[in-house]
């Protein structure tokens, strides 16, 4: 399973894989997931926080580009 919001997908911090699975025998919904590639345990909350951090990072970059574009004189 992939944890994503819009075009932003969470990934394993150890190997970068974007696919996760619940631990075997775990009742749904699992609060922890395992990386499908390396087996690292990660909490759902941590994956959602990762997506939130990336969202903020992209928003800040967009704001900076917008500010730079406003500072440049327009060609006529």
C-alpha atoms as a PDB file:
ATOM      1  CA  UNK A   1       0.000   0.000   0.000  1.00  0.00           C
ATOM      2  CA  UNK A   2       1.090   3.547  -0.585  1.00  0.00           C
ATOM      3  CA  UNK A   3       0.464   6.444   1.749  1.00  0.00           C
ATOM      4  CA  UNK A   4      -0.101   9.550  -0.343  1.00  0.00           C
ATOM      5  CA  UNK A   5      -1.900  12.863  -0.366  1.00  0.00           C
ATOM      6  CA  UNK A   6      -2.352  14.322  -3.818  1.00  0.00           C
ATOM      7  CA  UNK A   7       0.924  13.935  -5.671  1.00  0.00           C
ATOM      8  CA  UNK A   8       3.037  13.531  -2.518  1.00  0.00           C
ATOM      9  CA  UNK A   9       3.853   9.961  -1.473  1.00  0.00           C
ATOM     10  CA  UNK A  10       5.542   8.898   1.761  1.00  0.00           C
ATOM     11  CA  UNK A  11       8.683   6.807   1.477  1.00  0.00           C
ATOM     12  CA  UNK A  12      10.861   4.623   3.678  1.00  0.00           C
ATOM     13  CA  UNK A  13      13.623   6.682   5.266  1.00  0.00           C
ATOM     14  CA  UNK A  14      16.039   3.749   5.053  1.00  0.00           C
ATOM     15  CA  UNK A  15      15.663   2.640   1.429  1.00  0.00           C
ATOM     16  CA  UNK A  16      13.314   5.129  -0.279  1.00  0.00           C
ATOM     17  CA  UNK A  17      10.644   2.535  -1.138  1.00  0.00           C
ATOM     18  CA  UNK A  18       7.098   3.914  -1.391  1.00  0.00           C
ATOM     19  CA  UNK A  19       5.288   0.626  -0.690  1.00  0.00           C
ATOM     20  CA  UNK A  20       4.290  -0.541   2.787  1.00  0.00           C
ATOM     21  CA  UNK A  21       2.388  -3.455   4.279  1.00  0.00           C
ATOM     22  CA  UNK A  22       0.859  -4.183   7.675  1.00  0.00           C
ATOM     23  CA  UNK A  23       2.790  -6.616   9.865  1.00  0.00           C
ATOM     24  CA  UNK A  24       1.618 -10.229   9.590  1.00  0.00           C
ATOM     25  CA  UNK A  25      -1.249 -10.996  11.970  1.00  0.00           C
ATOM     26  CA  UNK A  26      -1.876  -7.326  12.690  1.00  0.00           C
ATOM     27  CA  UNK A  27      -5.517  -6.294  12.885  1.00  0.00           C
ATOM     28  CA  UNK A  28      -6.608  -3.484  10.607  1.00  0.00           C
ATOM     29  CA  UNK A  29      -6.063  -0.625  10.748  1.00  0.00           C
ATOM     30  CA  UNK A  30      -2.428  -1.188  11.663  1.00  0.00           C
ATOM     31  CA  UNK A  31      -0.746   1.693  13.471  1.00  0.00           C
ATOM     32  CA  UNK A  32       2.643   0.529  12.249  1.00  0.00           C
ATOM     33  CA  UNK A  33       3.568  -0.565   8.760  1.00  0.00           C
ATOM     34  CA  UNK A  34       6.535  -2.420   7.330  1.00  0.00           C
ATOM     35  CA  UNK A  35       8.505  -1.220   4.334  1.00  0.00           C
ATOM     36  CA  UNK A  36       7.794  -3.649   1.533  1.00  0.00           C
ATOM     37  CA  UNK A  37      11.435  -3.552   0.403  1.00  0.00           C
ATOM     38  CA  UNK A  38      13.589  -3.554   3.554  1.00  0.00           C
ATOM     39  CA  UNK A  39      11.089  -4.434   6.316  1.00  0.00           C
ATOM     40  CA  UNK A  40      11.718  -1.308   8.395  1.00  0.00           C
ATOM     41  CA  UNK A  41       8.913  -0.545  10.852  1.00  0.00           C
ATOM     42  CA  UNK A  42       7.346   2.879  10.609  1.00  0.00           C
ATOM     43  CA  UNK A  43       4.268   4.424  12.185  1.00  0.00           C
ATOM     44  CA  UNK A  44       1.422   5.718  10.038  1.00  0.00           C
ATOM     45  CA  UNK A  45       1.642   9.013  11.896  1.00  0.00           C
ATOM     46  CA  UNK A  46       5.322   9.361  10.920  1.00  0.00           C
ATOM     47  CA  UNK A  47       4.466   8.769   7.250  1.00  0.00           C
ATOM     48  CA  UNK A  48       1.730  11.410   7.365  1.00  0.00           C
ATOM     49  CA  UNK A  49       4.123  13.840   9.087  1.00  0.00           C
ATOM     50  CA  UNK A  50       6.608  13.194   6.267  1.00  0.00           C
ATOM     51  CA  UNK A  51       3.938  14.151   3.731  1.00  0.00           C
ATOM     52  CA  UNK A  52       3.071  17.281   5.745  1.00  0.00           C
ATOM     53  CA  UNK A  53       6.748  18.313   5.846  1.00  0.00           C
ATOM     54  CA  UNK A  54       7.077  17.862   2.077  1.00  0.00           C
ATOM     55  CA  UNK A  55       3.901  19.888   1.526  1.00  0.00           C
ATOM     56  CA  UNK A  56       5.320  22.773   3.572  1.00  0.00           C
ATOM     57  CA  UNK A  57       8.655  22.532   1.719  1.00  0.00           C
ATOM     58  CA  UNK A  58       6.926  22.728  -1.679  1.00  0.00           C
ATOM     59  CA  UNK A  59       4.695  25.603  -0.556  1.00  0.00           C
ATOM     60  CA  UNK A  60       7.703  27.589   0.670  1.00  0.00           C
ATOM     61  CA  UNK A  61       9.522  27.009  -2.621  1.00  0.00           C
ATOM     62  CA  UNK A  62       6.447  28.185  -4.547  1.00  0.00           C
ATOM     63  CA  UNK A  63       6.201  31.333  -2.416  1.00  0.00           C
ATOM     64  CA  UNK A  64       9.878  32.131  -2.994  1.00  0.00           C
ATOM     65  CA  UNK A  65       9.506  31.702  -6.765  1.00  0.00           C
ATOM     66  CA  UNK A  66       6.426  33.927  -6.724  1.00  0.00           C
ATOM     67  CA  UNK A  67       8.297  36.625  -4.823  1.00  0.00           C
ATOM     68  CA  UNK A  68      11.194  36.470  -7.278  1.00  0.00           C
ATOM     69  CA  UNK A  69       8.822  36.700 -10.243  1.00  0.00           C
ATOM     70  CA  UNK A  70       7.155  39.811  -8.778  1.00  0.00           C
ATOM     71  CA  UNK A  71      10.531  41.527  -8.297  1.00  0.00           C
ATOM     72  CA  UNK A  72      11.526  41.165 -11.949  1.00  0.00           C
ATOM     73  CA  UNK A  73      10.429  44.032 -14.185  1.00  0.00           C
ATOM     74  CA  UNK A  74       7.865  43.097 -16.787  1.00  0.00           C
ATOM     75  CA  UNK A  75       8.799  43.341 -20.453  1.00  0.00           C
ATOM     76  CA  UNK A  76       6.467  45.360 -22.634  1.00  0.00           C
END
